[in-house]
C-alpha atoms as a PDB file:
ATOM      1  CA  MET A   1      15.491 -12.593   9.846  1.00  0.00           C
ATOM      2  CA  HIS A   2      12.228 -11.317   8.633  1.00  0.00           C
ATOM      3  CA  LYS A   3      13.888  -9.638   5.867  1.00  0.00           C
ATOM      4  CA  ARG A   4      14.471 -13.012   4.667  1.00  0.00           C
ATOM      5  CA  MET A   5      10.874 -13.778   4.727  1.00  0.00           C
ATOM      6  CA  THR A   6       9.848 -10.604   2.848  1.00  0.00           C
ATOM      7  CA  ILE A   7      12.115 -11.256   0.216  1.00  0.00           C
ATOM      8  CA  ALA A   8      11.144 -14.652  -0.541  1.00  0.00           C
ATOM      9  CA  LEU A   9       7.470 -14.010  -0.219  1.00  0.00           C
ATOM     10  CA  ALA A  10       7.910 -11.135  -2.505  1.00  0.00           C
ATOM     11  CA  ALA A  11       9.998 -13.055  -5.078  1.00  0.00           C
ATOM     12  CA  LEU A  12       7.027 -15.176  -5.432  1.00  0.00           C
ATOM     13  CA  THR A  13       4.687 -12.235  -6.560  1.00  0.00           C
ATOM     14  CA  PHE A  14       6.977 -10.971  -8.243  1.00  0.00           C
ATOM     15  CA  ALA A  15       7.746 -14.145 -10.168  1.00  0.00           C
ATOM     16  CA  ALA A  16       4.105 -14.404 -11.057  1.00  0.00           C
ATOM     17  CA  ALA A  17       4.127 -10.658 -12.190  1.00  0.00           C
ATOM     18  CA  CYS A  18       6.940 -11.038 -14.489  1.00  0.00           C
ATOM     19  CA  SER A  19       5.480 -14.221 -15.908  1.00  0.00           C
ATOM     20  CA  GLN A  20       3.365 -11.646 -17.928  1.00  0.00           C
ATOM     21  CA  ASP A  21       4.666 -10.462 -21.094  1.00  0.00           C
ATOM     22  CA  PRO A  22       5.417  -6.616 -20.464  1.00  0.00           C
ATOM     23  CA  THR A  23       5.249  -6.040 -24.313  1.00  0.00           C
ATOM     24  CA  GLY A  24       2.410  -4.059 -25.531  1.00  0.00           C
ATOM     25  CA  VAL A  25       2.934  -0.997 -23.546  1.00  0.00           C
ATOM     26  CA  THR A  26       4.312   1.950 -25.329  1.00  0.00           C
ATOM     27  CA  THR A  27       7.316   3.854 -24.697  1.00  0.00           C
ATOM     28  CA  ASN A  28       4.995   7.340 -24.818  1.00  0.00           C
ATOM     29  CA  GLU A  29       2.566   5.692 -22.160  1.00  0.00           C
ATOM     30  CA  LEU A  30       5.548   4.572 -19.664  1.00  0.00           C
ATOM     31  CA  MET A  31       6.829   8.078 -19.911  1.00  0.00           C
ATOM     32  CA  LEU A  32       3.422   9.657 -18.880  1.00  0.00           C
ATOM     33  CA  ALA A  33       3.288   7.249 -16.182  1.00  0.00           C
ATOM     34  CA  GLN A  34       6.617   8.373 -14.915  1.00  0.00           C
ATOM     35  CA  ASN A  35       5.022  11.797 -14.648  1.00  0.00           C
ATOM     36  CA  ALA A  36       1.608  10.733 -13.397  1.00  0.00           C
ATOM     37  CA  GLN A  37       3.935   8.547 -10.433  1.00  0.00           C
ATOM     38  CA  VAL A  38       5.432  11.778  -9.465  1.00  0.00           C
ATOM     39  CA  LEU A  39       1.958  13.663  -9.135  1.00  0.00           C
ATOM     40  CA  ALA A  40       0.998  10.956  -7.081  1.00  0.00           C
ATOM     41  CA  ASP A  41       3.938  11.094  -4.743  1.00  0.00           C
ATOM     42  CA  ASN A  42       3.480  15.030  -4.563  1.00  0.00           C
ATOM     43  CA  ALA A  43      -0.390  14.409  -3.945  1.00  0.00           C
ATOM     44  CA  ALA A  44       0.645  12.577  -0.681  1.00  0.00           C
ATOM     45  CA  ALA A  45       3.187  14.644   0.638  1.00  0.00           C
ATOM     46  CA  SER A  46       2.102  17.213   3.451  1.00  0.00           C
ATOM     47  CA  PRO A  47       4.059  19.253   6.093  1.00  0.00           C
ATOM     48  CA  ALA A  48       2.988  16.935   8.339  1.00  0.00           C
ATOM     49  CA  GLY A  49       4.090  13.980   6.669  1.00  0.00           C
ATOM     50  CA  THR A  50       3.461  11.717   3.908  1.00  0.00           C
ATOM     51  CA  ALA A  51       0.106   9.567   3.689  1.00  0.00           C
ATOM     52  CA  THR A  52       1.773   6.486   2.344  1.00  0.00           C
ATOM     53  CA  CYS A  53       2.179   3.284   4.532  1.00  0.00           C
ATOM     54  CA  ASP A  54       5.942   4.272   5.097  1.00  0.00           C
ATOM     55  CA  GLY A  55       5.116   7.617   6.026  1.00  0.00           C
ATOM     56  CA  TRP A  56       2.315   6.833   8.596  1.00  0.00           C
ATOM     57  CA  PHE A  57       4.689   4.099   9.836  1.00  0.00           C
ATOM     58  CA  ARG A  58       7.446   6.572  10.384  1.00  0.00           C
ATOM     59  CA  ARG A  59       4.986   9.005  12.229  1.00  0.00           C
ATOM     60  CA  LEU A  60       3.761   6.062  14.485  1.00  0.00           C
ATOM     61  CA  LEU A  61       7.433   5.423  15.531  1.00  0.00           C
ATOM     62  CA  ASP A  62       8.409   9.020  15.965  1.00  0.00           C
ATOM     63  CA  THR A  63       5.336   9.710  17.929  1.00  0.00           C
ATOM     64  CA  LEU A  64       5.721   6.766  20.420  1.00  0.00           C
ATOM     65  CA  ARG A  65       9.479   7.852  21.201  1.00  0.00           C
ATOM     66  CA  THR A  66       7.636  10.938  22.922  1.00  0.00           C
ATOM     67  CA  THR A  67       4.268   9.554  24.000  1.00  0.00           C
ATOM     68  CA  ASP A  68       3.294   6.703  26.172  1.00  0.00           C
ATOM     69  CA  ASN A  69       0.355   5.549  24.169  1.00  0.00           C
ATOM     70  CA  ALA A  70      -0.891   1.824  25.756  1.00  0.00           C
ATOM     71  CA  ALA A  71      -3.316   1.012  23.261  1.00  0.00           C
ATOM     72  CA  ALA A  72      -1.043   1.602  20.244  1.00  0.00           C
ATOM     73  CA  ARG A  73       2.000  -0.210  21.899  1.00  0.00           C
ATOM     74  CA  MET A  74      -0.433  -2.955  22.683  1.00  0.00           C
ATOM     75  CA  GLU A  75      -1.409  -3.317  18.684  1.00  0.00           C
ATOM     76  CA  LEU A  76       2.241  -3.023  17.672  1.00  0.00           C
ATOM     77  CA  ASP A  77       2.937  -5.878  20.342  1.00  0.00           C
ATOM     78  CA  SER A  78       0.352  -8.154  18.566  1.00  0.00           C
ATOM     79  CA  ALA A  79       1.859  -7.133  15.054  1.00  0.00           C
ATOM     80  CA  HIS A  80       5.292  -8.610  16.452  1.00  0.00           C
ATOM     81  CA  VAL A  81       3.740 -11.790  17.689  1.00  0.00           C
ATOM     82  CA  TYR A  82       2.115 -12.124  14.060  1.00  0.00           C
ATOM     83  CA  ARG A  83       5.405 -11.246  12.643  1.00  0.00           C
ATOM     84  CA  ASP A  84       7.187 -13.987  14.616  1.00  0.00           C
ATOM     85  CA  SER A  85       4.570 -16.180  13.861  1.00  0.00           C
ATOM     86  CA  ALA A  86       4.742 -15.669  10.244  1.00  0.00           C
ATOM     87  CA  TRP A  87       8.337 -16.393  10.203  1.00  0.00           C
ATOM     88  CA  ALA A  88       8.041 -19.694  11.947  1.00  0.00           C
ATOM     89  CA  ALA A  89       5.331 -20.722   9.453  1.00  0.00           C
ATOM     90  CA  PHE A  90       7.679 -19.545   6.633  1.00  0.00           C
ATOM     91  CA  GLN A  91      10.462 -21.665   7.987  1.00  0.00           C
ATOM     92  CA  ARG A  92       8.545 -24.612   8.027  1.00  0.00           C
ATOM     93  CA  GLY A  93       7.378 -24.659   4.492  1.00  0.00           C
ATOM     94  CA  ASP A  94       4.108 -23.023   4.949  1.00  0.00           C
ATOM     95  CA  THR A  95       3.926 -19.954   2.866  1.00  0.00           C
ATOM     96  CA  ALA A  96       0.071 -19.663   2.927  1.00  0.00           C
ATOM     97  CA  THR A  97       0.054 -19.238   6.806  1.00  0.00           C
ATOM     98  CA  ALA A  98       3.114 -17.179   6.500  1.00  0.00           C
ATOM     99  CA  ARG A  99       1.146 -14.797   4.294  1.00  0.00           C
ATOM    100  CA  ALA A 100      -1.977 -14.729   6.486  1.00  0.00           C
ATOM    101  CA  ASP A 101      -0.071 -13.928   9.465  1.00  0.00           C
ATOM    102  CA  ARG A 102       1.993 -11.216   8.016  1.00  0.00           C
ATOM    103  CA  ARG A 103      -1.201  -9.789   6.706  1.00  0.00           C
ATOM    104  CA  THR A 104      -2.551  -9.835  10.160  1.00  0.00           C
ATOM    105  CA  ALA A 105       0.415  -8.221  11.585  1.00  0.00           C
ATOM    106  CA  PHE A 106       0.228  -5.274   9.103  1.00  0.00           C
ATOM    107  CA  ARG A 107      -3.506  -4.938  10.109  1.00  0.00           C
ATOM    108  CA  PHE A 108      -2.262  -4.388  13.873  1.00  0.00           C
ATOM    109  CA  VAL A 109       0.220  -1.560  12.466  1.00  0.00           C
ATOM    110  CA  LEU A 110      -2.735   0.001  10.922  1.00  0.00           C
ATOM    111  CA  ALA A 111      -4.474  -0.318  13.911  1.00  0.00           C
ATOM    112  CA  ALA A 112      -1.399   1.563  16.030  1.00  0.00           C
ATOM    113  CA  VAL A 113      -1.550   4.212  13.530  1.00  0.00           C
ATOM    114  CA  ILE A 114      -5.092   4.809  14.082  1.00  0.00           C
ATOM    115  CA  GLU A 115      -4.573   4.883  17.872  1.00  0.00           C
ATOM    116  CA  LEU A 116      -2.633   7.776  17.374  1.00  0.00           C
ATOM    117  CA  PHE A 117      -3.844   9.177  14.274  1.00  0.00           C
ATOM    118  CA  PRO A 118      -7.593   8.563  14.306  1.00  0.00           C
ATOM    119  CA  ASN A 119      -8.062  10.535  10.959  1.00  0.00           C
ATOM    120  CA  ALA A 120      -5.447   8.708   9.095  1.00  0.00           C
ATOM    121  CA  PRO A 121      -7.947   6.493   6.723  1.00  0.00           C
ATOM    122  CA  GLU A 122      -9.927  10.193   5.720  1.00  0.00           C
ATOM    123  CA  ARG A 123      -6.573  11.683   5.232  1.00  0.00           C
ATOM    124  CA  THR A 124      -4.962   8.708   3.072  1.00  0.00           C
ATOM    125  CA  GLY A 125      -8.325   8.760   1.040  1.00  0.00           C
ATOM    126  CA  LEU A 126      -8.168  12.452   0.334  1.00  0.00           C
ATOM    127  CA  ALA A 127      -4.474  11.946  -0.693  1.00  0.00           C
ATOM    128  CA  VAL A 128      -5.630   9.283  -3.188  1.00  0.00           C
ATOM    129  CA  ASP A 129      -8.606  11.385  -4.637  1.00  0.00           C
ATOM    130  CA  SER A 130      -6.122  14.434  -5.128  1.00  0.00           C
ATOM    131  CA  ALA A 131      -3.788  12.148  -6.866  1.00  0.00           C
ATOM    132  CA  ILE A 132      -6.265  10.626  -9.287  1.00  0.00           C
ATOM    133  CA  ASP A 133      -7.458  14.168  -9.781  1.00  0.00           C
ATOM    134  CA  ARG A 134      -3.878  15.479 -10.466  1.00  0.00           C
ATOM    135  CA  ILE A 135      -3.290  12.676 -13.157  1.00  0.00           C
ATOM    136  CA  GLU A 136      -6.540  12.764 -14.679  1.00  0.00           C
ATOM    137  CA  LYS A 137      -5.883  16.572 -15.618  1.00  0.00           C
ATOM    138  CA  PHE A 138      -2.226  15.846 -16.873  1.00  0.00           C
ATOM    139  CA  LEU A 139      -3.577  12.903 -19.043  1.00  0.00           C
ATOM    140  CA  GLY A 140      -6.446  15.215 -20.742  1.00  0.00           C
ATOM    141  CA  ASP A 141      -7.284  13.050 -23.679  1.00  0.00           C
ATOM    142  CA  ARG A 142      -3.881  11.297 -24.258  1.00  0.00           C
ATOM    143  CA  ASP A 143      -4.107   7.777 -25.246  1.00  0.00           C
ATOM    144  CA  ALA A 144      -2.974   6.022 -22.033  1.00  0.00           C
ATOM    145  CA  PRO A 145      -5.041   2.909 -21.739  1.00  0.00           C
ATOM    146  CA  ARG A 146      -3.033   1.044 -18.988  1.00  0.00           C
ATOM    147  CA  ILE A 147      -2.909   4.106 -16.734  1.00  0.00           C
ATOM    148  CA  ARG A 148      -6.594   4.790 -17.091  1.00  0.00           C
ATOM    149  CA  ALA A 149      -7.222   0.777 -16.361  1.00  0.00           C
ATOM    150  CA  ILE A 150      -5.020   1.397 -12.978  1.00  0.00           C
ATOM    151  CA  LEU A 151      -6.957   4.587 -12.115  1.00  0.00           C
ATOM    152  CA  ALA A 152     -10.032   3.010 -12.655  1.00  0.00           C
ATOM    153  CA  HIS A 153      -8.962   0.403  -9.998  1.00  0.00           C
ATOM    154  CA  VAL A 154      -7.642   2.644  -7.580  1.00  0.00           C
ATOM    155  CA  LYS A 155     -11.102   4.373  -7.911  1.00  0.00           C
ATOM    156  CA  ASP A 156     -12.815   1.100  -6.942  1.00  0.00           C
ATOM    157  CA  LEU A 157     -10.553   0.843  -4.176  1.00  0.00           C
ATOM    158  CA  ARG A 158     -11.657   3.997  -2.582  1.00  0.00           C
ATOM    159  CA  VAL A 159     -15.266   3.226  -3.224  1.00  0.00           C
ATOM    160  CA  GLN A 160     -14.513  -0.017  -1.098  1.00  0.00           C
ATOM    161  CA  ALA A 161     -12.483   1.973   1.534  1.00  0.00           C
ATOM    162  CA  ASP A 162     -15.371   4.338   1.997  1.00  0.00           C
ATOM    163  CA  GLN A 163     -17.910   1.745   2.301  1.00  0.00           C
ATOM    164  CA  ALA A 164     -15.695  -0.061   5.116  1.00  0.00           C
ATOM    165  CA  PHE A 165     -15.475   3.239   6.775  1.00  0.00           C
ATOM    166  CA  VAL A 166     -18.977   3.982   6.783  1.00  0.00           C
ATOM    167  CA  ASN A 167     -19.459   0.202   8.481  1.00  0.00           C
ATOM    168  CA  GLY A 168     -16.991   1.498  11.177  1.00  0.00           C
ATOM    169  CA  ASP A 169     -14.018  -0.775   9.944  1.00  0.00           C
ATOM    170  CA  LYS A 170     -11.302   1.923  10.123  1.00  0.00           C
ATOM    171  CA  VAL A 171      -8.558  -0.684   9.893  1.00  0.00           C
ATOM    172  CA  THR A 172      -9.818  -1.937   6.435  1.00  0.00           C
ATOM    173  CA  ALA A 173     -10.373   1.586   5.240  1.00  0.00           C
ATOM    174  CA  LEU A 174      -6.854   2.520   5.928  1.00  0.00           C
ATOM    175  CA  ALA A 175      -5.573  -0.547   4.216  1.00  0.00           C
ATOM    176  CA  LEU A 176      -7.560   0.057   1.147  1.00  0.00           C
ATOM    177  CA  ASN A 177      -6.800   3.798   0.666  1.00  0.00           C
ATOM    178  CA  LEU A 178      -3.081   3.022   1.300  1.00  0.00           C
ATOM    179  CA  ARG A 179      -3.109   0.219  -1.176  1.00  0.00           C
ATOM    180  CA  GLY A 180      -4.460   2.621  -3.690  1.00  0.00           C
ATOM    181  CA  ILE A 181      -1.515   5.277  -2.905  1.00  0.00           C
ATOM    182  CA  GLN A 182       1.046   2.419  -2.808  1.00  0.00           C
ATOM    183  CA  ILE A 183      -0.329   1.341  -6.268  1.00  0.00           C
ATOM    184  CA  LEU A 184      -0.073   5.252  -7.692  1.00  0.00           C
ATOM    185  CA  HIS A 185       3.474   5.378  -6.029  1.00  0.00           C
ATOM    186  CA  ARG A 186       4.702   2.493  -8.321  1.00  0.00           C
ATOM    187  CA  LEU A 187       2.705   3.316 -11.365  1.00  0.00           C
ATOM    188  CA  VAL A 188       5.319   2.644 -13.808  1.00  0.00           C
ATOM    189  CA  GLU A 189       5.784  -0.805 -12.820  1.00  0.00           C
ATOM    190  CA  HIS A 190       2.006  -1.337 -12.716  1.00  0.00           C
ATOM    191  CA  VAL A 191       1.626   0.015 -16.190  1.00  0.00           C
ATOM    192  CA  ARG A 192       4.575  -2.112 -17.701  1.00  0.00           C
ATOM    193  CA  TYR A 193       3.158  -5.263 -16.091  1.00  0.00           C
ATOM    194  CA  ALA A 194      -0.267  -4.427 -16.451  1.00  0.00           C
ATOM    195  CA  ASN A 195      -1.953  -8.014 -16.056  1.00  0.00           C
ATOM    196  CA  HIS A 196      -0.277  -8.726 -12.806  1.00  0.00           C
ATOM    197  CA  ASP A 197      -2.003  -8.506  -9.419  1.00  0.00           C
ATOM    198  CA  HIS A 198      -1.803  -4.947  -8.569  1.00  0.00           C
ATOM    199  CA  ASP A 199      -3.341  -5.478  -5.064  1.00  0.00           C
ATOM    200  CA  ALA A 200      -1.247  -8.130  -3.911  1.00  0.00           C
ATOM    201  CA  THR A 201       2.138  -6.575  -5.028  1.00  0.00           C
ATOM    202  CA  ALA A 202       1.158  -3.269  -3.518  1.00  0.00           C
ATOM    203  CA  ASP A 203       0.100  -5.221  -0.275  1.00  0.00           C
ATOM    204  CA  GLY A 204       3.533  -7.187  -0.228  1.00  0.00           C
ATOM    205  CA  GLU A 205       5.375  -3.702  -0.395  1.00  0.00           C
ATOM    206  CA  MET A 206       3.372  -2.428   2.108  1.00  0.00           C
ATOM    207  CA  GLU A 207       3.766  -5.552   4.497  1.00  0.00           C
ATOM    208  CA  ALA A 208       7.405  -5.116   4.530  1.00  0.00           C
ATOM    209  CA  VAL A 209       7.608  -1.540   5.971  1.00  0.00           C
ATOM    210  CA  GLY A 210       9.135  -1.874   9.000  1.00  0.00           C
ATOM    211  CA  GLU A 211      10.697  -5.446   8.914  1.00  0.00           C
END
C-alpha cells in the first residue's frame, strides 16, 4: 500500500519537474554529468557499505538481524507508525499531511541509523566532500554551468549539515548530507531539469527507501 502512495506523491513532484523545459542543456554537459555521476557513486562507496540512503538502510536492517538494539528498534517502530499515518492521510486525499508524516517517518529511520552508526552524519558528509572534489577536478575548466550550479547547491547543503551537527541535531545533519549525495547520485536528471526542486526530488526518492 505504501508503494502506491510513494508512486503517487513522486508523480506530483516529477510532474512539476517536467513542466520545466529541459532544452538549453548541451549534449556535452549531459555527457560530463554522466561521468560526474559515476565519480559521485564511487566516492560514496566503501568496503563497509555505500554512504547513501539506500546503503545506510541496508546496513541498518542487516545489523538488526544479528543485534538487538532496543533504541534503534523503537525508532523504526515510530517510523512505521508515521508511514501508516501517511498512508491513511493519502487515502483521504490529504496529500500535505501524507507528505509531512512520510518525512517524519524518514527522520525516525535516520535516527535508527544513528543509534547503530553514530558517525553516519560525518561519514556521509565526507563522501559528499570527496564527490564534489572529484567532480570539480574532472571538470577542470570545461564549460558546465548546470553541473557547477548543482555543485554549489550541494556545497550549501554541506554547510547547513555541518551547522546542524554543531548544534547537536545529528538527524538533520545526516538528512542534509544524504540529500547532497542523492542529488549527485542522480546528477544527470538534475542537470537535465535544472529548474526543478532538487531538494524535494532527492527527499522524495530517499523517503521511498524501504517502503
